[in-house]
Amino acid sequence: MTLPPIAIFHVDTVSPSGFHEFRESISRSRLQVAIIPREPPGPMASLEWLTPTVVIGFIASAYFGGFLQELGKDHYTIVKQQFRKLYRQVAGPEAPEVKIISSSGKSAKVQKYSLYFSVVGETSTGLKLKLLIPQSITQTDYETMIDRFLDYLEEVNSEHPKQTLLKKLQESNPIGRTALLVYDNETRTIAPIDPRTGEIIR
């Protein structure tokens, strides 16, 4: 499957109507935003943070190549705005809460990150970068996180990305071609984490 430049993937029990403005605002003649339903996943044996969220915002490396050069920074600003506007339905107090159920039928330990929404970016080498969204996050913090993450993706996909940034990604030991990232409140930057321990790679 060829991935679109920008997309929203969602479990088919979630209505796509809430993503209409997102698609219409970002789509252009050569860049059509895709809203893609998928079947709910069955039982999975994997690390919690690697579990696909119910709704996934996706940006391919192709956007930061020819599309961004063609459409310009004004379009990039609109992309940021539309991702920020998703807060109420995917990350705010009104957003659904998803819990993991263990084999014993009991809820798992307190979940630090949302299983309802995440944002996934792609590098030119095919590495997926998954931004984990905290369970309880204010709108201001969410918007800051989104802005920082999109700028992070732009840097990773630039012609000459910072080597320190690439080195930290390698040190995070990505699993299955997926690296996990969070917003580091201490440094106010996006940073990868070790998927096994959750430790931030600084």
N, C-alpha and C. Protein backbone atom coordinates (compact mmCIF):
# COMPACT_ATOMS: atom_id res chain seq x y z
N MET A 1 0.84 -1.20 0.00
CA MET A 1 0.00 0.00 0.00
C MET A 1 0.88 1.26 0.00
N THR A 2 0.64 2.14 -0.97
CA THR A 2 1.36 3.40 -1.03
C THR A 2 0.69 4.39 -0.09
N LEU A 3 1.44 4.88 0.87
CA LEU A 3 0.86 5.77 1.87
C LEU A 3 0.68 7.17 1.31
N PRO A 4 -0.44 7.83 1.63
CA PRO A 4 -0.67 9.21 1.18
C PRO A 4 0.26 10.16 1.91
N PRO A 5 0.46 11.38 1.39
CA PRO A 5 1.33 12.34 2.07
C PRO A 5 0.83 12.69 3.47
N ILE A 6 -0.48 12.87 3.61
CA ILE A 6 -1.08 13.18 4.91
C ILE A 6 -2.38 12.38 5.03
N ALA A 7 -2.62 11.80 6.19
CA ALA A 7 -3.82 10.97 6.34
C ALA A 7 -4.25 10.91 7.80
N ILE A 8 -5.51 10.55 7.97
CA ILE A 8 -6.04 10.16 9.27
C ILE A 8 -6.50 8.71 9.14
N PHE A 9 -5.90 7.82 9.90
CA PHE A 9 -6.35 6.43 9.97
C PHE A 9 -7.23 6.31 11.22
N HIS A 10 -8.36 5.64 11.09
CA HIS A 10 -9.23 5.50 12.25
C HIS A 10 -9.95 4.16 12.22
N VAL A 11 -10.18 3.61 13.41
CA VAL A 11 -10.98 2.40 13.52
C VAL A 11 -12.38 2.71 12.99
N ASP A 12 -12.95 1.77 12.23
CA ASP A 12 -14.19 2.07 11.51
C ASP A 12 -15.41 2.31 12.39
N THR A 13 -15.28 2.12 13.69
CA THR A 13 -16.38 2.47 14.60
C THR A 13 -16.37 3.97 14.93
N VAL A 14 -15.32 4.68 14.55
CA VAL A 14 -15.21 6.13 14.76
C VAL A 14 -15.73 6.84 13.52
N SER A 15 -16.65 7.76 13.68
CA SER A 15 -17.21 8.48 12.54
C SER A 15 -16.15 9.36 11.88
N PRO A 16 -16.04 9.31 10.54
CA PRO A 16 -15.06 10.15 9.85
C PRO A 16 -15.50 11.61 9.72
N SER A 17 -16.74 11.91 10.09
CA SER A 17 -17.27 13.26 9.90
C SER A 17 -16.46 14.32 10.64
N GLY A 18 -15.87 13.93 11.78
CA GLY A 18 -15.09 14.88 12.56
C GLY A 18 -13.79 15.29 11.90
N PHE A 19 -13.41 14.60 10.84
CA PHE A 19 -12.15 14.91 10.16
C PHE A 19 -12.37 15.64 8.83
N HIS A 20 -13.62 16.06 8.59
CA HIS A 20 -13.95 16.71 7.31
C HIS A 20 -13.15 18.01 7.13
N GLU A 21 -13.17 18.86 8.17
CA GLU A 21 -12.46 20.14 8.06
C GLU A 21 -10.96 19.90 7.86
N PHE A 22 -10.41 18.93 8.57
CA PHE A 22 -8.99 18.59 8.43
C PHE A 22 -8.66 18.29 6.97
N ARG A 23 -9.46 17.43 6.35
CA ARG A 23 -9.20 17.03 4.96
C ARG A 23 -9.39 18.19 4.00
N GLU A 24 -10.50 18.92 4.14
CA GLU A 24 -10.81 19.99 3.19
C GLU A 24 -9.82 21.14 3.30
N SER A 25 -9.34 21.43 4.48
CA SER A 25 -8.43 22.56 4.68
C SER A 25 -7.04 22.29 4.15
N ILE A 26 -6.61 21.04 4.21
CA ILE A 26 -5.24 20.70 3.83
C ILE A 26 -5.12 20.25 2.38
N SER A 27 -6.15 19.63 1.84
CA SER A 27 -6.09 19.08 0.48
C SER A 27 -5.83 20.18 -0.56
N ARG A 28 -5.02 19.81 -1.54
CA ARG A 28 -4.75 20.68 -2.68
C ARG A 28 -4.81 19.82 -3.94
N SER A 29 -4.61 20.41 -5.10
CA SER A 29 -4.76 19.67 -6.36
C SER A 29 -3.91 18.41 -6.42
N ARG A 30 -2.67 18.51 -5.99
CA ARG A 30 -1.77 17.35 -6.04
C ARG A 30 -1.64 16.66 -4.69
N LEU A 31 -2.20 17.25 -3.66
CA LEU A 31 -2.09 16.67 -2.33
C LEU A 31 -3.50 16.46 -1.78
N GLN A 32 -3.94 15.24 -1.85
CA GLN A 32 -5.26 14.90 -1.34
C GLN A 32 -5.13 14.15 -0.01
N VAL A 33 -5.65 14.74 1.04
CA VAL A 33 -5.60 14.12 2.36
C VAL A 33 -6.57 12.93 2.38
N ALA A 34 -6.10 11.81 2.90
CA ALA A 34 -6.91 10.59 2.95
C ALA A 34 -7.43 10.36 4.37
N ILE A 35 -8.71 10.00 4.47
CA ILE A 35 -9.30 9.57 5.73
C ILE A 35 -9.60 8.08 5.56
N ILE A 36 -8.85 7.24 6.26
CA ILE A 36 -8.85 5.80 5.97
C ILE A 36 -9.36 4.99 7.16
N PRO A 37 -10.52 4.33 7.00
CA PRO A 37 -11.02 3.47 8.08
C PRO A 37 -10.29 2.13 8.08
N ARG A 38 -10.22 1.51 9.24
CA ARG A 38 -9.63 0.18 9.34
C ARG A 38 -10.40 -0.61 10.39
N GLU A 39 -10.30 -1.91 10.32
CA GLU A 39 -11.00 -2.75 11.28
C GLU A 39 -10.33 -2.65 12.65
N PRO A 40 -11.11 -2.77 13.72
CA PRO A 40 -10.50 -2.77 15.06
C PRO A 40 -9.50 -3.91 15.18
N PRO A 41 -8.35 -3.67 15.80
CA PRO A 41 -7.38 -4.75 15.97
C PRO A 41 -7.88 -5.79 16.97
N GLY A 42 -7.49 -7.03 16.75
CA GLY A 42 -7.84 -8.09 17.70
C GLY A 42 -6.87 -8.09 18.85
N PRO A 43 -6.88 -9.13 19.67
CA PRO A 43 -5.94 -9.23 20.78
C PRO A 43 -4.50 -9.14 20.28
N MET A 44 -3.69 -8.40 21.00
CA MET A 44 -2.30 -8.20 20.58
C MET A 44 -1.36 -8.47 21.73
N ALA A 45 -0.22 -9.06 21.41
CA ALA A 45 0.83 -9.28 22.39
C ALA A 45 2.01 -8.41 22.00
N SER A 46 2.03 -7.19 22.51
CA SER A 46 3.11 -6.27 22.17
C SER A 46 3.23 -5.23 23.27
N LEU A 47 4.30 -4.43 23.19
CA LEU A 47 4.47 -3.35 24.15
C LEU A 47 3.32 -2.37 23.98
N GLU A 48 2.79 -1.92 25.10
CA GLU A 48 1.63 -1.01 25.09
C GLU A 48 1.83 0.18 24.17
N TRP A 49 3.02 0.78 24.21
CA TRP A 49 3.26 2.00 23.45
C TRP A 49 3.34 1.77 21.95
N LEU A 50 3.56 0.51 21.56
CA LEU A 50 3.63 0.19 20.13
C LEU A 50 2.26 -0.20 19.57
N THR A 51 1.27 -0.37 20.43
CA THR A 51 -0.07 -0.72 20.00
C THR A 51 -0.66 0.41 19.16
N PRO A 52 -1.20 0.12 17.97
CA PRO A 52 -1.81 1.18 17.16
C PRO A 52 -2.95 1.85 17.91
N THR A 53 -2.98 3.17 17.91
CA THR A 53 -4.06 3.89 18.57
C THR A 53 -5.33 3.85 17.70
N VAL A 54 -6.45 4.19 18.30
CA VAL A 54 -7.73 4.17 17.59
C VAL A 54 -7.71 5.15 16.42
N VAL A 55 -7.14 6.32 16.64
CA VAL A 55 -7.00 7.34 15.59
C VAL A 55 -5.53 7.67 15.45
N ILE A 56 -5.06 7.70 14.21
CA ILE A 56 -3.65 8.00 13.94
C ILE A 56 -3.56 9.12 12.91
N GLY A 57 -2.91 10.21 13.28
CA GLY A 57 -2.58 11.24 12.31
C GLY A 57 -1.25 10.87 11.66
N PHE A 58 -1.18 10.94 10.34
CA PHE A 58 0.02 10.46 9.63
C PHE A 58 0.54 11.52 8.67
N ILE A 59 1.88 11.66 8.64
CA ILE A 59 2.54 12.54 7.69
C ILE A 59 3.72 11.79 7.09
N ALA A 60 3.70 11.60 5.78
CA ALA A 60 4.77 10.87 5.09
C ALA A 60 5.95 11.80 4.83
N SER A 61 7.10 11.19 4.61
CA SER A 61 8.31 11.98 4.31
C SER A 61 8.13 12.76 3.02
N ALA A 62 7.27 12.25 2.12
CA ALA A 62 7.06 12.93 0.83
C ALA A 62 6.52 14.35 1.01
N TYR A 63 5.78 14.57 2.09
CA TYR A 63 5.24 15.93 2.29
C TYR A 63 6.37 16.93 2.47
N PHE A 64 7.42 16.52 3.18
CA PHE A 64 8.52 17.43 3.46
C PHE A 64 9.50 17.52 2.29
N GLY A 65 9.23 16.78 1.24
CA GLY A 65 10.04 16.86 0.03
C GLY A 65 9.40 17.79 -0.97
N GLY A 66 8.93 17.22 -2.05
CA GLY A 66 8.39 18.02 -3.14
C GLY A 66 7.14 18.79 -2.79
N PHE A 67 6.25 18.22 -1.97
CA PHE A 67 4.99 18.89 -1.66
C PHE A 67 5.22 20.19 -0.91
N LEU A 68 6.06 20.17 0.12
CA LEU A 68 6.29 21.37 0.92
C LEU A 68 7.00 22.43 0.09
N GLN A 69 7.92 22.02 -0.76
CA GLN A 69 8.61 22.97 -1.62
C GLN A 69 7.63 23.62 -2.59
N GLU A 70 6.68 22.83 -3.08
CA GLU A 70 5.71 23.35 -4.04
C GLU A 70 4.64 24.21 -3.37
N LEU A 71 4.12 23.75 -2.24
CA LEU A 71 3.01 24.43 -1.59
C LEU A 71 3.45 25.57 -0.68
N GLY A 72 4.67 25.49 -0.17
CA GLY A 72 5.22 26.57 0.62
C GLY A 72 4.86 26.54 2.10
N LYS A 73 5.45 27.47 2.83
CA LYS A 73 5.31 27.53 4.29
C LYS A 73 3.88 27.86 4.72
N ASP A 74 3.14 28.58 3.87
CA ASP A 74 1.76 28.89 4.24
C ASP A 74 0.94 27.61 4.41
N HIS A 75 1.17 26.65 3.54
CA HIS A 75 0.45 25.39 3.64
C HIS A 75 0.90 24.62 4.88
N TYR A 76 2.18 24.66 5.17
CA TYR A 76 2.71 24.00 6.37
C TYR A 76 2.06 24.57 7.63
N THR A 77 1.84 25.88 7.63
CA THR A 77 1.16 26.53 8.76
C THR A 77 -0.26 26.01 8.91
N ILE A 78 -0.95 25.80 7.79
CA ILE A 78 -2.31 25.27 7.81
C ILE A 78 -2.32 23.84 8.34
N VAL A 79 -1.35 23.03 7.93
CA VAL A 79 -1.23 21.65 8.43
C VAL A 79 -1.11 21.67 9.96
N LYS A 80 -0.24 22.53 10.48
CA LYS A 80 -0.10 22.64 11.93
C LYS A 80 -1.41 23.04 12.59
N GLN A 81 -2.07 24.02 12.02
CA GLN A 81 -3.33 24.49 12.58
C GLN A 81 -4.37 23.38 12.66
N GLN A 82 -4.47 22.59 11.59
CA GLN A 82 -5.48 21.53 11.54
C GLN A 82 -5.17 20.40 12.52
N PHE A 83 -3.90 20.07 12.70
CA PHE A 83 -3.55 19.07 13.71
C PHE A 83 -3.86 19.60 15.11
N ARG A 84 -3.62 20.89 15.33
CA ARG A 84 -3.92 21.48 16.63
C ARG A 84 -5.43 21.45 16.91
N LYS A 85 -6.23 21.68 15.86
CA LYS A 85 -7.68 21.73 16.02
C LYS A 85 -8.29 20.37 16.38
N LEU A 86 -7.55 19.31 16.22
CA LEU A 86 -8.06 17.98 16.58
C LEU A 86 -8.12 17.76 18.08
N TYR A 87 -7.56 18.68 18.84
CA TYR A 87 -7.43 18.47 20.29
C TYR A 87 -8.73 18.03 20.96
N ARG A 88 -9.81 18.77 20.74
CA ARG A 88 -11.04 18.50 21.47
C ARG A 88 -11.54 17.08 21.27
N GLN A 89 -11.48 16.58 20.03
CA GLN A 89 -12.05 15.27 19.77
C GLN A 89 -11.10 14.10 19.99
N VAL A 90 -9.79 14.36 20.04
CA VAL A 90 -8.87 13.23 20.17
C VAL A 90 -8.01 13.24 21.43
N ALA A 91 -7.88 14.40 22.08
CA ALA A 91 -6.96 14.47 23.23
C ALA A 91 -7.52 15.23 24.42
N GLY A 92 -8.58 15.99 24.23
CA GLY A 92 -9.14 16.79 25.31
C GLY A 92 -10.00 15.97 26.26
N PRO A 93 -10.59 16.62 27.25
CA PRO A 93 -11.42 15.91 28.25
C PRO A 93 -12.59 15.16 27.64
N GLU A 94 -13.08 15.59 26.47
CA GLU A 94 -14.22 14.94 25.83
C GLU A 94 -13.81 13.74 24.97
N ALA A 95 -12.51 13.56 24.76
CA ALA A 95 -12.05 12.46 23.91
C ALA A 95 -12.27 11.12 24.61
N PRO A 96 -12.63 10.09 23.87
CA PRO A 96 -12.82 8.76 24.48
C PRO A 96 -11.54 8.26 25.12
N GLU A 97 -11.70 7.48 26.18
CA GLU A 97 -10.55 6.88 26.86
C GLU A 97 -10.51 5.39 26.54
N VAL A 98 -9.36 4.92 26.14
CA VAL A 98 -9.19 3.51 25.80
C VAL A 98 -8.29 2.87 26.84
N LYS A 99 -8.72 1.73 27.35
CA LYS A 99 -7.92 1.03 28.36
C LYS A 99 -7.52 -0.35 27.85
N ILE A 100 -6.37 -0.81 28.32
CA ILE A 100 -5.90 -2.15 28.00
C ILE A 100 -6.46 -3.12 29.04
N ILE A 101 -6.97 -4.23 28.57
CA ILE A 101 -7.47 -5.28 29.46
C ILE A 101 -6.49 -6.45 29.41
N SER A 102 -6.05 -6.88 30.57
CA SER A 102 -5.10 -7.98 30.64
C SER A 102 -5.82 -9.30 30.45
N SER A 103 -5.08 -10.37 30.29
CA SER A 103 -5.66 -11.69 30.08
C SER A 103 -6.47 -12.15 31.28
N SER A 104 -6.19 -11.59 32.43
CA SER A 104 -6.93 -11.96 33.64
C SER A 104 -8.26 -11.21 33.74
N GLY A 105 -8.48 -10.28 32.77
CA GLY A 105 -9.72 -9.52 32.77
C GLY A 105 -9.65 -8.23 33.56
N LYS A 106 -8.49 -7.90 34.10
CA LYS A 106 -8.33 -6.69 34.88
C LYS A 106 -7.62 -5.63 34.04
N SER A 107 -7.93 -4.39 34.34
CA SER A 107 -7.28 -3.31 33.63
C SER A 107 -5.79 -3.29 33.93
N ALA A 108 -5.03 -2.85 32.94
CA ALA A 108 -3.59 -2.76 33.13
C ALA A 108 -3.28 -1.62 34.09
N LYS A 109 -2.01 -1.49 34.44
CA LYS A 109 -1.58 -0.41 35.32
C LYS A 109 -1.92 0.93 34.67
N VAL A 110 -1.76 1.99 35.42
CA VAL A 110 -2.09 3.32 34.92
C VAL A 110 -1.35 3.58 33.61
N GLN A 111 -2.09 3.99 32.62
CA GLN A 111 -1.51 4.23 31.30
C GLN A 111 -1.07 5.69 31.21
N LYS A 112 0.19 5.88 30.90
CA LYS A 112 0.74 7.23 30.84
C LYS A 112 0.35 7.93 29.55
N TYR A 113 0.26 7.17 28.47
CA TYR A 113 0.00 7.76 27.16
C TYR A 113 -1.32 7.26 26.58
N SER A 114 -1.90 8.10 25.74
CA SER A 114 -3.20 7.79 25.14
C SER A 114 -3.12 6.60 24.19
N LEU A 115 -4.14 5.76 24.27
CA LEU A 115 -4.29 4.68 23.29
C LEU A 115 -5.36 5.04 22.26
N TYR A 116 -5.89 6.26 22.39
CA TYR A 116 -6.91 6.72 21.44
C TYR A 116 -6.29 7.48 20.27
N PHE A 117 -5.25 8.27 20.52
CA PHE A 117 -4.68 9.11 19.46
C PHE A 117 -3.17 9.19 19.55
N SER A 118 -2.55 9.16 18.38
CA SER A 118 -1.11 9.40 18.27
C SER A 118 -0.86 10.03 16.90
N VAL A 119 0.33 10.58 16.72
CA VAL A 119 0.72 11.13 15.43
C VAL A 119 1.97 10.38 14.98
N VAL A 120 1.94 9.91 13.74
CA VAL A 120 3.06 9.14 13.20
C VAL A 120 3.63 9.86 11.99
N GLY A 121 4.93 10.08 12.02
CA GLY A 121 5.63 10.67 10.89
C GLY A 121 6.56 9.64 10.28
N GLU A 122 7.05 9.94 9.11
CA GLU A 122 7.90 9.01 8.38
C GLU A 122 9.18 9.72 7.96
N THR A 123 10.29 9.00 7.98
CA THR A 123 11.54 9.54 7.47
C THR A 123 11.78 8.99 6.06
N SER A 124 12.71 9.59 5.36
CA SER A 124 13.01 9.15 3.99
C SER A 124 13.57 7.73 3.94
N THR A 125 14.05 7.22 5.08
CA THR A 125 14.57 5.86 5.13
C THR A 125 13.49 4.84 5.48
N GLY A 126 12.26 5.32 5.71
CA GLY A 126 11.17 4.42 6.02
C GLY A 126 10.94 4.19 7.51
N LEU A 127 11.71 4.86 8.35
CA LEU A 127 11.51 4.74 9.80
C LEU A 127 10.25 5.50 10.19
N LYS A 128 9.40 4.89 11.00
CA LYS A 128 8.20 5.54 11.50
C LYS A 128 8.51 6.17 12.86
N LEU A 129 8.09 7.41 13.03
CA LEU A 129 8.29 8.13 14.28
C LEU A 129 6.93 8.37 14.92
N LYS A 130 6.67 7.71 16.03
CA LYS A 130 5.36 7.78 16.68
C LYS A 130 5.42 8.70 17.88
N LEU A 131 4.64 9.78 17.82
CA LEU A 131 4.55 10.71 18.94
C LEU A 131 3.49 10.24 19.92
N LEU A 132 3.89 9.98 21.15
CA LEU A 132 2.98 9.54 22.19
C LEU A 132 2.35 10.77 22.84
N ILE A 133 1.01 10.73 22.98
CA ILE A 133 0.28 11.85 23.57
C ILE A 133 -0.09 11.48 25.01
N PRO A 134 0.28 12.30 25.99
CA PRO A 134 -0.09 12.01 27.38
C PRO A 134 -1.59 11.86 27.56
N GLN A 135 -1.99 11.03 28.50
CA GLN A 135 -3.41 10.78 28.76
C GLN A 135 -4.15 12.07 29.11
N SER A 136 -3.61 12.83 30.03
CA SER A 136 -4.23 14.10 30.42
C SER A 136 -3.32 15.22 29.97
N ILE A 137 -3.80 16.00 29.00
CA ILE A 137 -2.96 17.07 28.46
C ILE A 137 -3.83 18.29 28.19
N THR A 138 -3.33 19.46 28.55
CA THR A 138 -4.07 20.69 28.29
C THR A 138 -3.98 21.04 26.81
N GLN A 139 -4.88 21.89 26.37
CA GLN A 139 -4.86 22.30 24.97
C GLN A 139 -3.57 23.02 24.63
N THR A 140 -3.10 23.88 25.53
CA THR A 140 -1.86 24.62 25.28
C THR A 140 -0.68 23.67 25.12
N ASP A 141 -0.57 22.70 26.03
CA ASP A 141 0.54 21.75 25.95
C ASP A 141 0.43 20.87 24.70
N TYR A 142 -0.79 20.48 24.35
CA TYR A 142 -1.00 19.68 23.15
C TYR A 142 -0.56 20.45 21.90
N GLU A 143 -0.95 21.71 21.80
CA GLU A 143 -0.61 22.51 20.62
C GLU A 143 0.90 22.71 20.52
N THR A 144 1.55 22.94 21.65
CA THR A 144 3.01 23.08 21.66
C THR A 144 3.66 21.79 21.18
N MET A 145 3.17 20.66 21.68
CA MET A 145 3.71 19.36 21.32
C MET A 145 3.57 19.10 19.82
N ILE A 146 2.41 19.41 19.27
CA ILE A 146 2.17 19.20 17.84
C ILE A 146 3.13 20.06 17.01
N ASP A 147 3.25 21.33 17.36
CA ASP A 147 4.15 22.22 16.63
C ASP A 147 5.59 21.71 16.66
N ARG A 148 6.04 21.31 17.85
CA ARG A 148 7.42 20.82 17.99
C ARG A 148 7.64 19.54 17.19
N PHE A 149 6.64 18.66 17.20
CA PHE A 149 6.79 17.39 16.50
C PHE A 149 6.85 17.59 14.98
N LEU A 150 6.00 18.45 14.45
CA LEU A 150 6.02 18.69 13.01
C LEU A 150 7.34 19.35 12.59
N ASP A 151 7.84 20.25 13.43
CA ASP A 151 9.15 20.85 13.13
C ASP A 151 10.26 19.79 13.21
N TYR A 152 10.11 18.86 14.13
CA TYR A 152 11.06 17.75 14.26
C TYR A 152 11.06 16.91 12.97
N LEU A 153 9.86 16.61 12.47
CA LEU A 153 9.76 15.84 11.22
C LEU A 153 10.38 16.59 10.05
N GLU A 154 10.15 17.90 10.02
CA GLU A 154 10.74 18.70 8.94
C GLU A 154 12.26 18.64 8.99
N GLU A 155 12.82 18.72 10.20
CA GLU A 155 14.28 18.66 10.36
C GLU A 155 14.83 17.29 9.95
N VAL A 156 14.18 16.22 10.42
CA VAL A 156 14.63 14.87 10.09
C VAL A 156 14.62 14.63 8.59
N ASN A 157 13.65 15.23 7.91
CA ASN A 157 13.52 15.02 6.47
C ASN A 157 14.20 16.09 5.62
N SER A 158 14.96 16.97 6.28
CA SER A 158 15.68 18.01 5.54
C SER A 158 16.87 17.41 4.81
N GLU A 159 17.43 18.18 3.93
CA GLU A 159 18.56 17.70 3.14
C GLU A 159 19.78 17.39 4.01
N HIS A 160 19.95 18.19 5.06
CA HIS A 160 21.09 17.98 5.98
C HIS A 160 20.59 18.01 7.42
N PRO A 161 19.97 16.93 7.88
CA PRO A 161 19.45 16.88 9.26
C PRO A 161 20.59 16.91 10.28
N LYS A 162 20.26 17.38 11.48
CA LYS A 162 21.25 17.43 12.54
C LYS A 162 21.69 16.02 12.91
N GLN A 163 22.99 15.79 12.96
CA GLN A 163 23.51 14.46 13.25
C GLN A 163 23.21 14.03 14.69
N THR A 164 23.17 15.01 15.59
CA THR A 164 22.86 14.67 16.98
C THR A 164 21.44 14.10 17.08
N LEU A 165 20.54 14.64 16.28
CA LEU A 165 19.16 14.17 16.28
C LEU A 165 19.08 12.74 15.77
N LEU A 166 19.79 12.45 14.68
CA LEU A 166 19.79 11.10 14.11
C LEU A 166 20.45 10.11 15.07
N LYS A 167 21.48 10.55 15.76
CA LYS A 167 22.19 9.67 16.69
C LYS A 167 21.27 9.26 17.84
N LYS A 168 20.48 10.21 18.35
CA LYS A 168 19.56 9.90 19.44
C LYS A 168 18.49 8.91 18.99
N LEU A 169 18.03 9.04 17.73
CA LEU A 169 17.05 8.09 17.21
C LEU A 169 17.63 6.68 17.18
N GLN A 170 18.89 6.56 16.77
CA GLN A 170 19.53 5.25 16.72
C GLN A 170 19.69 4.68 18.13
N GLU A 171 20.02 5.53 19.08
CA GLU A 171 20.23 5.08 20.46
C GLU A 171 18.93 4.64 21.13
N SER A 172 17.78 5.03 20.57
CA SER A 172 16.50 4.67 21.18
C SER A 172 16.08 3.24 20.85
N ASN A 173 16.87 2.56 20.01
CA ASN A 173 16.59 1.17 19.66
C ASN A 173 15.17 0.95 19.13
N PRO A 174 14.85 1.52 17.96
CA PRO A 174 13.51 1.35 17.39
C PRO A 174 13.14 -0.12 17.24
N ILE A 175 11.86 -0.40 17.46
CA ILE A 175 11.35 -1.77 17.32
C ILE A 175 10.45 -1.85 16.10
N GLY A 176 10.73 -2.82 15.22
CA GLY A 176 9.90 -2.98 14.03
C GLY A 176 9.86 -1.74 13.16
N ARG A 177 10.97 -1.04 13.05
CA ARG A 177 11.07 0.18 12.24
C ARG A 177 10.20 1.31 12.79
N THR A 178 9.92 1.28 14.09
CA THR A 178 9.16 2.35 14.73
C THR A 178 9.92 2.88 15.93
N ALA A 179 10.15 4.19 15.94
CA ALA A 179 10.77 4.86 17.08
C ALA A 179 9.70 5.64 17.82
N LEU A 180 9.76 5.62 19.14
CA LEU A 180 8.78 6.31 19.97
C LEU A 180 9.34 7.64 20.45
N LEU A 181 8.52 8.69 20.36
CA LEU A 181 8.95 10.01 20.78
C LEU A 181 7.94 10.65 21.71
N VAL A 182 8.43 11.56 22.57
CA VAL A 182 7.59 12.31 23.49
C VAL A 182 8.06 13.76 23.50
N TYR A 183 7.24 14.60 24.11
CA TYR A 183 7.67 15.98 24.35
C TYR A 183 8.36 16.01 25.70
N ASP A 184 9.63 16.42 25.69
CA ASP A 184 10.44 16.47 26.91
C ASP A 184 10.23 17.83 27.58
N ASN A 185 9.50 17.85 28.68
CA ASN A 185 9.20 19.10 29.36
C ASN A 185 10.46 19.79 29.89
N GLU A 186 11.48 18.99 30.21
CA GLU A 186 12.70 19.56 30.78
C GLU A 186 13.47 20.39 29.75
N THR A 187 13.57 19.85 28.53
CA THR A 187 14.33 20.55 27.48
C THR A 187 13.42 21.29 26.50
N ARG A 188 12.11 21.06 26.61
CA ARG A 188 11.11 21.67 25.72
C ARG A 188 11.37 21.30 24.27
N THR A 189 11.73 20.05 24.08
CA THR A 189 11.98 19.54 22.74
C THR A 189 11.34 18.16 22.59
N ILE A 190 11.23 17.72 21.34
CA ILE A 190 10.80 16.35 21.07
C ILE A 190 12.02 15.44 21.24
N ALA A 191 11.82 14.32 21.93
CA ALA A 191 12.94 13.41 22.17
C ALA A 191 12.47 11.96 22.08
N PRO A 192 13.33 11.07 21.57
CA PRO A 192 12.97 9.64 21.54
C PRO A 192 13.07 9.03 22.92
N ILE A 193 12.33 7.93 23.11
CA ILE A 193 12.43 7.20 24.36
C ILE A 193 12.80 5.75 24.08
N ASP A 194 13.37 5.10 25.07
CA ASP A 194 13.63 3.67 24.98
C ASP A 194 12.28 2.97 25.10
N PRO A 195 11.85 2.20 24.09
CA PRO A 195 10.52 1.59 24.12
C PRO A 195 10.32 0.60 25.25
N ARG A 196 11.39 0.07 25.80
CA ARG A 196 11.27 -0.94 26.85
C ARG A 196 11.16 -0.33 28.24
N THR A 197 11.81 0.82 28.44
CA THR A 197 11.83 1.43 29.76
C THR A 197 11.07 2.75 29.83
N GLY A 198 10.84 3.39 28.69
CA GLY A 198 10.19 4.69 28.67
C GLY A 198 11.16 5.83 29.00
N GLU A 199 12.44 5.50 29.15
CA GLU A 199 13.44 6.52 29.50
C GLU A 199 13.72 7.41 28.31
N ILE A 200 13.73 8.73 28.55
CA ILE A 200 13.99 9.70 27.49
C ILE A 200 15.48 9.66 27.12
N ILE A 201 15.76 9.66 25.83
CA ILE A 201 17.14 9.69 25.33
C ILE A 201 17.55 11.14 25.15
N ARG A 202 18.37 11.62 26.07
CA ARG A 202 18.81 13.04 26.00
C ARG A 202 20.24 13.13 25.51
